[in-house]
Amino acid sequence: MGRLSRGAPQGRARPAGTAYAGRVTKAKAKANESGEPGAHRAPREYRAAELAEAAGITPRTLRFYRERKLLPPPRREGRVAWYDEHHLARLRTIAALLARGHTLGGIADLLDAFEKGRDRHSAAELLGLGDITTPFAEETPVRLTPEQLADYFGGEVTVDNLAASLDIGYVAIDGDEFVHVSRRLLEASAELVAKGVPLAEVLAAGRRLRDQTDAIATTFARLFRSHLLPGTDPADPAAVTGLLERVRPLAKSVVEAELGLALDRQVRAELAEWGRGPEQATQENPAT
């Protein structure tokens, strides 16, 4: 694998129309690169040799990746294959994952899971866009490339773990990137993995916690609906939002207090059992 090149050769700029109308003028190209207001960046396309150079690999390696189906098929115009920026992003992802110790077989499985994950949760669904906004969640979503996600969890980003994350709803796929629903959850999960908890166990615990917190949230939602919402005009969204904003800190305080008390009880019990040791535990609870 060659070293990744930060620059890209001049590829083909394809206008929005079906016919190729000619080269983009230097002035338009400069505006596109500068990001000036009103500048519209035309989709770029590359021939095979141009794509390989942009990705820092050889044309032979590019052909090998195509044969291994690590790249989606290019757009064809007669006998010419045209690649776009999604192909370039995919090649950079492959190079980054190889540099992190992943095998090509493992990368192929991850990319296949990545593509299948597009059909599970869209980024809009994950973030609740388009739904009525409620003021309870205070999470900041995080956009990650596949290689950045791998950096968070080392060699534990496997097909099964990726599928579990998609299924739970921790991540969604948007274009060539992942969107994680919560920076706090992402960083807490990464810290647990760094301290020695397997990612599969973190995700299994997360799935159980999701079920349990859904049950807690259902309890509060029913209280709100039965005792608070009946006195609010449903045609007045501002009034409903204001009511929910007032009860939000109350609900969170109750949950935080109960969780703290429960952790005290459970951790003390676990420490007591751990301190007794297996022999003492056996003497206190002999087999019948």
C-alpha atoms as a PDB file:
ATOM      1  CA  MET A   1       0.000   0.000   0.000  1.00  0.00           C
ATOM      2  CA  GLY A   2       1.359   3.404  -0.860  1.00  0.00           C
ATOM      3  CA  ARG A   3       1.258   6.319   1.490  1.00  0.00           C
ATOM      4  CA  LEU A   4      -1.934   8.331   1.476  1.00  0.00           C
ATOM      5  CA  SER A   5      -1.655  11.467  -0.597  1.00  0.00           C
ATOM      6  CA  ARG A   6      -3.266  14.564   0.878  1.00  0.00           C
ATOM      7  CA  GLY A   7      -3.686  16.151  -2.493  1.00  0.00           C
ATOM      8  CA  ALA A   8      -5.797  14.819  -5.356  1.00  0.00           C
ATOM      9  CA  PRO A   9      -5.067  14.931  -9.077  1.00  0.00           C
ATOM     10  CA  GLN A  10      -7.370  16.739 -11.393  1.00  0.00           C
ATOM     11  CA  GLY A  11     -10.318  14.457 -11.961  1.00  0.00           C
ATOM     12  CA  ARG A  12     -13.289  14.903 -14.198  1.00  0.00           C
ATOM     13  CA  ALA A  13     -15.969  17.371 -13.089  1.00  0.00           C
ATOM     14  CA  ARG A  14     -19.387  16.138 -14.133  1.00  0.00           C
ATOM     15  CA  PRO A  15     -22.178  18.730 -14.418  1.00  0.00           C
ATOM     16  CA  ALA A  16     -25.671  18.043 -13.124  1.00  0.00           C
ATOM     17  CA  GLY A  17     -26.940  17.344 -16.653  1.00  0.00           C
ATOM     18  CA  THR A  18     -26.546  14.039 -18.421  1.00  0.00           C
ATOM     19  CA  ALA A  19     -24.165  15.280 -21.096  1.00  0.00           C
ATOM     20  CA  TYR A  20     -20.623  16.372 -20.392  1.00  0.00           C
ATOM     21  CA  ALA A  21     -20.587  20.066 -21.269  1.00  0.00           C
ATOM     22  CA  GLY A  22     -16.854  20.700 -21.077  1.00  0.00           C
ATOM     23  CA  ARG A  23     -14.207  21.478 -18.519  1.00  0.00           C
ATOM     24  CA  VAL A  24     -14.862  23.610 -15.473  1.00  0.00           C
ATOM     25  CA  THR A  25     -13.198  27.001 -15.935  1.00  0.00           C
ATOM     26  CA  LYS A  26     -10.281  27.938 -13.711  1.00  0.00           C
ATOM     27  CA  ALA A  27     -12.289  30.694 -12.083  1.00  0.00           C
ATOM     28  CA  LYS A  28     -15.126  28.312 -11.170  1.00  0.00           C
ATOM     29  CA  ALA A  29     -12.686  25.693  -9.933  1.00  0.00           C
ATOM     30  CA  LYS A  30     -10.968  28.271  -7.738  1.00  0.00           C
ATOM     31  CA  ALA A  31     -14.316  29.357  -6.292  1.00  0.00           C
ATOM     32  CA  ASN A  32     -15.279  25.752  -5.624  1.00  0.00           C
ATOM     33  CA  GLU A  33     -12.032  25.061  -3.775  1.00  0.00           C
ATOM     34  CA  SER A  34     -12.157  28.286  -1.786  1.00  0.00           C
ATOM     35  CA  GLY A  35     -15.647  27.621  -0.453  1.00  0.00           C
ATOM     36  CA  GLU A  36     -16.768  31.162  -1.253  1.00  0.00           C
ATOM     37  CA  PRO A  37     -20.471  31.890  -0.772  1.00  0.00           C
ATOM     38  CA  GLY A  38     -22.464  30.827  -3.780  1.00  0.00           C
ATOM     39  CA  ALA A  39     -19.753  28.516  -5.057  1.00  0.00           C
ATOM     40  CA  HIS A  40     -21.138  25.130  -6.099  1.00  0.00           C
ATOM     41  CA  ARG A  41     -18.708  22.258  -6.072  1.00  0.00           C
ATOM     42  CA  ALA A  42     -19.416  19.925  -8.975  1.00  0.00           C
ATOM     43  CA  PRO A  43     -19.183  16.170  -8.284  1.00  0.00           C
ATOM     44  CA  ARG A  44     -15.733  14.932  -9.218  1.00  0.00           C
ATOM     45  CA  GLU A  45     -14.996  11.801 -11.164  1.00  0.00           C
ATOM     46  CA  TYR A  46     -11.719   9.964 -11.702  1.00  0.00           C
ATOM     47  CA  ARG A  47     -10.361   7.494 -14.181  1.00  0.00           C
ATOM     48  CA  ALA A  48      -8.792   4.412 -12.603  1.00  0.00           C
ATOM     49  CA  ALA A  49      -5.233   5.758 -12.738  1.00  0.00           C
ATOM     50  CA  GLU A  50      -6.319   9.116 -11.285  1.00  0.00           C
ATOM     51  CA  LEU A  51      -8.206   7.424  -8.457  1.00  0.00           C
ATOM     52  CA  ALA A  52      -5.247   5.206  -7.622  1.00  0.00           C
ATOM     53  CA  GLU A  53      -2.927   8.224  -7.496  1.00  0.00           C
ATOM     54  CA  ALA A  54      -5.348  10.185  -5.307  1.00  0.00           C
ATOM     55  CA  ALA A  55      -5.565   7.252  -2.864  1.00  0.00           C
ATOM     56  CA  GLY A  56      -1.807   6.658  -2.857  1.00  0.00           C
ATOM     57  CA  ILE A  57      -2.008   3.135  -4.284  1.00  0.00           C
ATOM     58  CA  THR A  58      -1.004   1.512  -7.548  1.00  0.00           C
ATOM     59  CA  PRO A  59      -3.470   0.761 -10.375  1.00  0.00           C
ATOM     60  CA  ARG A  60      -2.708  -2.908  -9.794  1.00  0.00           C
ATOM     61  CA  THR A  61      -3.822  -2.619  -6.155  1.00  0.00           C
ATOM     62  CA  LEU A  62      -6.965  -0.832  -7.299  1.00  0.00           C
ATOM     63  CA  ARG A  63      -7.768  -3.713  -9.669  1.00  0.00           C
ATOM     64  CA  PHE A  64      -7.145  -6.181  -6.836  1.00  0.00           C
ATOM     65  CA  TYR A  65      -9.584  -4.341  -4.566  1.00  0.00           C
ATOM     66  CA  ARG A  66     -12.174  -4.329  -7.336  1.00  0.00           C
ATOM     67  CA  GLU A  67     -11.761  -8.075  -7.809  1.00  0.00           C
ATOM     68  CA  ARG A  68     -12.174  -8.594  -4.054  1.00  0.00           C
ATOM     69  CA  LYS A  69     -15.353  -6.473  -4.228  1.00  0.00           C
ATOM     70  CA  LEU A  70     -13.990  -4.001  -1.702  1.00  0.00           C
ATOM     71  CA  LEU A  71     -15.220  -1.178  -3.940  1.00  0.00           C
ATOM     72  CA  PRO A  72     -18.704  -0.584  -5.342  1.00  0.00           C
ATOM     73  CA  PRO A  73     -18.878  -0.770  -9.153  1.00  0.00           C
ATOM     74  CA  PRO A  74     -17.847   2.389 -11.024  1.00  0.00           C
ATOM     75  CA  ARG A  75     -20.097   4.300 -13.390  1.00  0.00           C
ATOM     76  CA  ARG A  76     -19.387   3.262 -16.956  1.00  0.00           C
ATOM     77  CA  GLU A  77     -19.442   5.440 -20.035  1.00  0.00           C
ATOM     78  CA  GLY A  78     -18.726   3.165 -22.945  1.00  0.00           C
ATOM     79  CA  ARG A  79     -15.491   1.375 -22.103  1.00  0.00           C
ATOM     80  CA  VAL A  80     -14.392   4.001 -19.589  1.00  0.00           C
ATOM     81  CA  ALA A  81     -14.960   3.458 -15.844  1.00  0.00           C
ATOM     82  CA  TRP A  82     -15.556   6.608 -13.811  1.00  0.00           C
ATOM     83  CA  TYR A  83     -15.038   6.667 -10.038  1.00  0.00           C
ATOM     84  CA  ASP A  84     -16.229   9.346  -7.627  1.00  0.00           C
ATOM     85  CA  GLU A  85     -15.365  10.710  -4.187  1.00  0.00           C
ATOM     86  CA  HIS A  86     -17.169   7.848  -2.460  1.00  0.00           C
ATOM     87  CA  HIS A  87     -14.733   5.417  -4.062  1.00  0.00           C
ATOM     88  CA  LEU A  88     -11.836   7.606  -2.926  1.00  0.00           C
ATOM     89  CA  ALA A  89     -13.201   7.705   0.625  1.00  0.00           C
ATOM     90  CA  ARG A  90     -13.558   3.905   0.577  1.00  0.00           C
ATOM     91  CA  LEU A  91      -9.934   3.451  -0.527  1.00  0.00           C
ATOM     92  CA  ARG A  92      -8.706   5.763   2.224  1.00  0.00           C
ATOM     93  CA  THR A  93     -10.756   3.798   4.737  1.00  0.00           C
ATOM     94  CA  ILE A  94      -9.207   0.522   3.522  1.00  0.00           C
ATOM     95  CA  ALA A  95      -5.707   1.978   3.807  1.00  0.00           C
ATOM     96  CA  ALA A  96      -6.379   3.320   7.307  1.00  0.00           C
ATOM     97  CA  LEU A  97      -7.813   0.010   8.535  1.00  0.00           C
ATOM     98  CA  LEU A  98      -4.884  -1.924   7.060  1.00  0.00           C
ATOM     99  CA  ALA A  99      -2.511   0.428   8.896  1.00  0.00           C
ATOM    100  CA  ARG A 100      -4.387  -0.385  12.122  1.00  0.00           C
ATOM    101  CA  GLY A 101      -3.777  -4.106  11.701  1.00  0.00           C
ATOM    102  CA  HIS A 102      -7.024  -5.266  10.096  1.00  0.00           C
ATOM    103  CA  THR A 103      -6.775  -7.964   7.428  1.00  0.00           C
ATOM    104  CA  LEU A 104      -8.340  -7.569   3.995  1.00  0.00           C
ATOM    105  CA  GLY A 105     -10.781 -10.343   4.822  1.00  0.00           C
ATOM    106  CA  GLY A 106     -11.835  -8.575   8.000  1.00  0.00           C
ATOM    107  CA  ILE A 107     -12.103  -5.261   6.180  1.00  0.00           C
ATOM    108  CA  ALA A 108     -14.294  -6.860   3.524  1.00  0.00           C
ATOM    109  CA  ASP A 109     -16.625  -8.180   6.238  1.00  0.00           C
ATOM    110  CA  LEU A 110     -16.744  -4.774   7.969  1.00  0.00           C
ATOM    111  CA  LEU A 111     -17.486  -2.961   4.716  1.00  0.00           C
ATOM    112  CA  ASP A 112     -20.229  -5.462   3.927  1.00  0.00           C
ATOM    113  CA  ALA A 113     -21.753  -4.847   7.367  1.00  0.00           C
ATOM    114  CA  PHE A 114     -21.380  -1.107   6.757  1.00  0.00           C
ATOM    115  CA  GLU A 115     -23.371  -1.334   3.527  1.00  0.00           C
ATOM    116  CA  LYS A 116     -26.051  -3.522   5.100  1.00  0.00           C
ATOM    117  CA  GLY A 117     -26.284  -1.084   7.985  1.00  0.00           C
ATOM    118  CA  ARG A 118     -27.611   1.596   5.652  1.00  0.00           C
ATOM    119  CA  ASP A 119     -30.952  -0.235   5.694  1.00  0.00           C
ATOM    120  CA  ARG A 120     -31.264  -0.250   9.498  1.00  0.00           C
ATOM    121  CA  HIS A 121     -31.274   3.256  10.937  1.00  0.00           C
ATOM    122  CA  SER A 122     -30.764   6.458   9.002  1.00  0.00           C
ATOM    123  CA  ALA A 123     -28.987   9.323  10.727  1.00  0.00           C
ATOM    124  CA  ALA A 124     -32.264  11.255  10.723  1.00  0.00           C
ATOM    125  CA  GLU A 125     -34.064   8.384  12.472  1.00  0.00           C
ATOM    126  CA  LEU A 126     -31.266   7.990  14.993  1.00  0.00           C
ATOM    127  CA  LEU A 127     -31.311  11.677  15.925  1.00  0.00           C
ATOM    128  CA  GLY A 128     -35.107  11.930  15.879  1.00  0.00           C
ATOM    129  CA  LEU A 129     -35.180  14.549  13.146  1.00  0.00           C
ATOM    130  CA  GLY A 130     -38.641  15.287  11.862  1.00  0.00           C
ATOM    131  CA  ASP A 131     -40.318  14.184  15.093  1.00  0.00           C
ATOM    132  CA  ILE A 132     -41.835  16.423  17.736  1.00  0.00           C
ATOM    133  CA  THR A 133     -38.944  17.801  19.728  1.00  0.00           C
ATOM    134  CA  THR A 134     -38.908  16.880  23.415  1.00  0.00           C
ATOM    135  CA  PRO A 135     -36.534  18.576  25.847  1.00  0.00           C
ATOM    136  CA  PHE A 136     -35.171  15.541  27.681  1.00  0.00           C
ATOM    137  CA  ALA A 137     -32.165  14.308  25.673  1.00  0.00           C
ATOM    138  CA  GLU A 138     -29.094  16.515  25.937  1.00  0.00           C
ATOM    139  CA  GLU A 139     -26.732  14.401  23.868  1.00  0.00           C
ATOM    140  CA  THR A 140     -24.310  15.625  21.223  1.00  0.00           C
ATOM    141  CA  PRO A 141     -24.074  13.311  18.191  1.00  0.00           C
ATOM    142  CA  VAL A 142     -20.643  12.531  16.749  1.00  0.00           C
ATOM    143  CA  ARG A 143     -19.711  11.961  13.111  1.00  0.00           C
ATOM    144  CA  LEU A 144     -16.979   9.360  12.597  1.00  0.00           C
ATOM    145  CA  THR A 145     -15.219   7.816   9.640  1.00  0.00           C
ATOM    146  CA  PRO A 146     -14.827   4.016   9.861  1.00  0.00           C
ATOM    147  CA  GLU A 147     -11.144   4.444  10.729  1.00  0.00           C
ATOM    148  CA  GLN A 148     -11.964   6.937  13.513  1.00  0.00           C
ATOM    149  CA  LEU A 149     -14.431   4.452  14.963  1.00  0.00           C
ATOM    150  CA  ALA A 150     -11.699   1.799  14.845  1.00  0.00           C
ATOM    151  CA  ASP A 151      -9.373   4.168  16.717  1.00  0.00           C
ATOM    152  CA  TYR A 152     -11.873   4.472  19.549  1.00  0.00           C
ATOM    153  CA  PHE A 153     -12.081   0.723  20.117  1.00  0.00           C
ATOM    154  CA  GLY A 154      -8.827  -0.706  18.803  1.00  0.00           C
ATOM    155  CA  GLY A 155      -9.193  -4.125  17.237  1.00  0.00           C
ATOM    156  CA  GLU A 156     -12.650  -4.725  18.708  1.00  0.00           C
ATOM    157  CA  VAL A 157     -14.641  -3.192  15.852  1.00  0.00           C
ATOM    158  CA  THR A 158     -15.813  -6.516  14.464  1.00  0.00           C
ATOM    159  CA  VAL A 159     -18.741  -7.368  12.240  1.00  0.00           C
ATOM    160  CA  ASP A 160     -20.760  -8.647  15.203  1.00  0.00           C
ATOM    161  CA  ASN A 161     -20.027  -5.590  17.342  1.00  0.00           C
ATOM    162  CA  LEU A 162     -20.855  -3.240  14.476  1.00  0.00           C
ATOM    163  CA  ALA A 163     -24.121  -5.070  13.853  1.00  0.00           C
ATOM    164  CA  ALA A 164     -24.975  -4.851  17.565  1.00  0.00           C
ATOM    165  CA  SER A 165     -24.272  -1.098  17.624  1.00  0.00           C
ATOM    166  CA  LEU A 166     -26.523  -0.571  14.624  1.00  0.00           C
ATOM    167  CA  ASP A 167     -29.245  -2.759  16.107  1.00  0.00           C
ATOM    168  CA  ILE A 168     -29.226  -1.009  19.496  1.00  0.00           C
ATOM    169  CA  GLY A 169     -29.311   2.362  17.759  1.00  0.00           C
ATOM    170  CA  TYR A 170     -25.992   3.698  19.011  1.00  0.00           C
ATOM    171  CA  VAL A 171     -24.826   4.370  15.465  1.00  0.00           C
ATOM    172  CA  ALA A 172     -26.316   5.006  12.053  1.00  0.00           C
ATOM    173  CA  ILE A 173     -24.697   5.350   8.653  1.00  0.00           C
ATOM    174  CA  ASP A 174     -24.775   8.606   6.735  1.00  0.00           C
ATOM    175  CA  GLY A 175     -22.941   8.577   3.425  1.00  0.00           C
ATOM    176  CA  ASP A 176     -19.403   7.325   4.072  1.00  0.00           C
ATOM    177  CA  GLU A 177     -19.525   8.030   7.801  1.00  0.00           C
ATOM    178  CA  PHE A 178     -21.037   6.798  11.032  1.00  0.00           C
ATOM    179  CA  VAL A 179     -23.140   9.013  13.272  1.00  0.00           C
ATOM    180  CA  HIS A 180     -23.003   8.055  16.948  1.00  0.00           C
ATOM    181  CA  VAL A 181     -26.034   9.204  18.898  1.00  0.00           C
ATOM    182  CA  SER A 182     -24.106  10.432  21.945  1.00  0.00           C
ATOM    183  CA  ARG A 183     -20.582  11.683  22.577  1.00  0.00           C
ATOM    184  CA  ARG A 184     -20.957  10.787  26.256  1.00  0.00           C
ATOM    185  CA  LEU A 185     -21.942   7.200  25.477  1.00  0.00           C
ATOM    186  CA  LEU A 186     -19.189   6.887  22.862  1.00  0.00           C
ATOM    187  CA  GLU A 187     -16.458   8.107  25.197  1.00  0.00           C
ATOM    188  CA  ALA A 188     -17.733   6.106  28.176  1.00  0.00           C
ATOM    189  CA  SER A 189     -17.828   2.935  26.058  1.00  0.00           C
ATOM    190  CA  ALA A 190     -14.311   3.579  24.758  1.00  0.00           C
ATOM    191  CA  GLU A 191     -13.038   4.150  28.302  1.00  0.00           C
ATOM    192  CA  LEU A 192     -14.556   0.875  29.508  1.00  0.00           C
ATOM    193  CA  VAL A 193     -12.907  -0.973  26.612  1.00  0.00           C
ATOM    194  CA  ALA A 194      -9.591   0.742  27.362  1.00  0.00           C
ATOM    195  CA  LYS A 195      -9.837  -0.486  30.975  1.00  0.00           C
ATOM    196  CA  GLY A 196     -10.280  -4.085  29.825  1.00  0.00           C
ATOM    197  CA  VAL A 197     -14.019  -4.638  29.369  1.00  0.00           C
ATOM    198  CA  PRO A 198     -14.628  -6.354  25.978  1.00  0.00           C
ATOM    199  CA  LEU A 199     -16.659  -4.241  23.581  1.00  0.00           C
ATOM    200  CA  ALA A 200     -19.114  -7.109  23.096  1.00  0.00           C
ATOM    201  CA  GLU A 201     -19.834  -7.026  26.858  1.00  0.00           C
ATOM    202  CA  VAL A 202     -20.197  -3.244  26.833  1.00  0.00           C
ATOM    203  CA  LEU A 203     -22.740  -3.519  24.029  1.00  0.00           C
ATOM    204  CA  ALA A 204     -24.608  -6.358  25.748  1.00  0.00           C
ATOM    205  CA  ALA A 205     -24.825  -4.239  28.899  1.00  0.00           C
ATOM    206  CA  GLY A 206     -25.939  -1.292  26.794  1.00  0.00           C
ATOM    207  CA  ARG A 207     -28.740  -3.355  25.290  1.00  0.00           C
ATOM    208  CA  ARG A 208     -29.958  -4.376  28.768  1.00  0.00           C
ATOM    209  CA  LEU A 209     -29.715  -0.798  30.004  1.00  0.00           C
ATOM    210  CA  ARG A 210     -31.688   0.393  26.999  1.00  0.00           C
ATOM    211  CA  ASP A 211     -34.532  -1.983  27.887  1.00  0.00           C
ATOM    212  CA  GLN A 212     -34.429  -0.995  31.553  1.00  0.00           C
ATOM    213  CA  THR A 213     -34.277   2.756  30.932  1.00  0.00           C
ATOM    214  CA  ASP A 214     -37.135   2.435  28.447  1.00  0.00           C
ATOM    215  CA  ALA A 215     -39.188   0.907  31.261  1.00  0.00           C
ATOM    216  CA  ILE A 216     -38.248   3.784  33.574  1.00  0.00           C
ATOM    217  CA  ALA A 217     -39.109   6.327  30.894  1.00  0.00           C
ATOM    218  CA  THR A 218     -42.473   4.609  30.337  1.00  0.00           C
ATOM    219  CA  THR A 219     -43.277   5.051  34.031  1.00  0.00           C
ATOM    220  CA  PHE A 220     -42.632   8.793  33.840  1.00  0.00           C
ATOM    221  CA  ALA A 221     -44.380   9.209  30.494  1.00  0.00           C
ATOM    222  CA  ARG A 222     -47.544   7.611  31.889  1.00  0.00           C
ATOM    223  CA  LEU A 223     -47.426   9.886  34.926  1.00  0.00           C
ATOM    224  CA  PHE A 224     -47.098  12.907  32.646  1.00  0.00           C
ATOM    225  CA  ARG A 225     -49.941  11.806  30.418  1.00  0.00           C
ATOM    226  CA  SER A 226     -52.290  10.857  33.256  1.00  0.00           C
ATOM    227  CA  HIS A 227     -51.737  13.767  35.616  1.00  0.00           C
ATOM    228  CA  LEU A 228     -50.064  16.681  33.814  1.00  0.00           C
ATOM    229  CA  LEU A 229     -51.010  16.711  30.152  1.00  0.00           C
ATOM    230  CA  PRO A 230     -54.815  16.700  30.659  1.00  0.00           C
ATOM    231  CA  GLY A 231     -54.600  20.286  31.916  1.00  0.00           C
ATOM    232  CA  THR A 232     -52.599  21.434  28.876  1.00  0.00           C
ATOM    233  CA  ASP A 233     -53.972  22.465  25.508  1.00  0.00           C
ATOM    234  CA  PRO A 234     -52.630  19.938  22.928  1.00  0.00           C
ATOM    235  CA  ALA A 235     -53.046  22.584  20.217  1.00  0.00           C
ATOM    236  CA  ASP A 236     -50.491  24.775  22.004  1.00  0.00           C
ATOM    237  CA  PRO A 237     -47.027  23.239  21.380  1.00  0.00           C
ATOM    238  CA  ALA A 238     -45.332  25.973  23.399  1.00  0.00           C
ATOM    239  CA  ALA A 239     -47.403  25.110  26.462  1.00  0.00           C
ATOM    240  CA  VAL A 240     -46.642  21.383  26.124  1.00  0.00           C
ATOM    241  CA  THR A 241     -42.925  22.061  25.648  1.00  0.00           C
ATOM    242  CA  GLY A 242     -42.893  24.422  28.627  1.00  0.00           C
ATOM    243  CA  LEU A 243     -44.530  21.814  30.835  1.00  0.00           C
ATOM    244  CA  LEU A 244     -42.031  19.136  29.799  1.00  0.00           C
ATOM    245  CA  GLU A 245     -39.121  21.493  30.374  1.00  0.00           C
ATOM    246  CA  ARG A 246     -40.328  22.091  33.937  1.00  0.00           C
ATOM    247  CA  VAL A 247     -40.672  18.404  34.792  1.00  0.00           C
ATOM    248  CA  ARG A 248     -37.450  17.306  33.076  1.00  0.00           C
ATOM    249  CA  PRO A 249     -35.122  18.144  35.997  1.00  0.00           C
ATOM    250  CA  LEU A 250     -37.523  16.440  38.404  1.00  0.00           C
ATOM    251  CA  ALA A 251     -37.507  13.196  36.422  1.00  0.00           C
ATOM    252  CA  LYS A 252     -33.743  13.227  36.034  1.00  0.00           C
ATOM    253  CA  SER A 253     -33.224  13.947  39.744  1.00  0.00           C
ATOM    254  CA  VAL A 254     -35.403  10.999  40.728  1.00  0.00           C
ATOM    255  CA  VAL A 255     -33.607   8.629  38.366  1.00  0.00           C
ATOM    256  CA  GLU A 256     -30.157   9.847  39.426  1.00  0.00           C
ATOM    257  CA  ALA A 257     -31.014   9.473  43.133  1.00  0.00           C
ATOM    258  CA  GLU A 258     -32.504   5.998  42.675  1.00  0.00           C
ATOM    259  CA  LEU A 259     -29.556   4.876  40.533  1.00  0.00           C
ATOM    260  CA  GLY A 260     -27.063   6.080  43.132  1.00  0.00           C
ATOM    261  CA  LEU A 261     -28.864   4.249  45.930  1.00  0.00           C
ATOM    262  CA  ALA A 262     -29.168   1.089  43.809  1.00  0.00           C
ATOM    263  CA  LEU A 263     -25.462   1.183  42.925  1.00  0.00           C
ATOM    264  CA  ASP A 264     -24.562   1.513  46.591  1.00  0.00           C
ATOM    265  CA  ARG A 265     -26.652  -1.535  47.446  1.00  0.00           C
ATOM    266  CA  GLN A 266     -25.446  -3.700  44.578  1.00  0.00           C
ATOM    267  CA  VAL A 267     -21.763  -2.757  44.765  1.00  0.00           C
ATOM    268  CA  ARG A 268     -21.664  -3.355  48.537  1.00  0.00           C
ATOM    269  CA  ALA A 269     -23.196  -6.793  47.981  1.00  0.00           C
ATOM    270  CA  GLU A 270     -20.709  -7.643  45.229  1.00  0.00           C
ATOM    271  CA  LEU A 271     -17.749  -6.431  47.328  1.00  0.00           C
ATOM    272  CA  ALA A 272     -18.910  -8.463  50.298  1.00  0.00           C
ATOM    273  CA  GLU A 273     -19.195 -11.611  48.191  1.00  0.00           C
ATOM    274  CA  TRP A 274     -15.843 -10.967  46.538  1.00  0.00           C
ATOM    275  CA  GLY A 275     -14.194 -10.402  49.919  1.00  0.00           C
ATOM    276  CA  ARG A 276     -15.457 -13.695  51.318  1.00  0.00           C
ATOM    277  CA  GLY A 277     -13.737 -15.645  48.578  1.00  0.00           C
ATOM    278  CA  PRO A 278     -14.948 -18.849  46.919  1.00  0.00           C
ATOM    279  CA  GLU A 279     -14.074 -21.154  49.848  1.00  0.00           C
ATOM    280  CA  GLN A 280     -16.012 -19.135  52.433  1.00  0.00           C
ATOM    281  CA  ALA A 281     -18.930 -18.725  50.029  1.00  0.00           C
ATOM    282  CA  THR A 282     -19.014 -22.521  49.598  1.00  0.00           C
ATOM    283  CA  GLN A 283     -19.004 -23.077  53.390  1.00  0.00           C
ATOM    284  CA  GLU A 284     -21.840 -20.603  53.892  1.00  0.00           C
ATOM    285  CA  ASN A 285     -23.868 -22.091  51.025  1.00  0.00           C
ATOM    286  CA  PRO A 286     -23.035 -25.837  50.942  1.00  0.00           C
ATOM    287  CA  ALA A 287     -24.372 -27.857  48.022  1.00  0.00           C
ATOM    288  CA  THR A 288     -27.451 -29.820  48.829  1.00  0.00           C
END
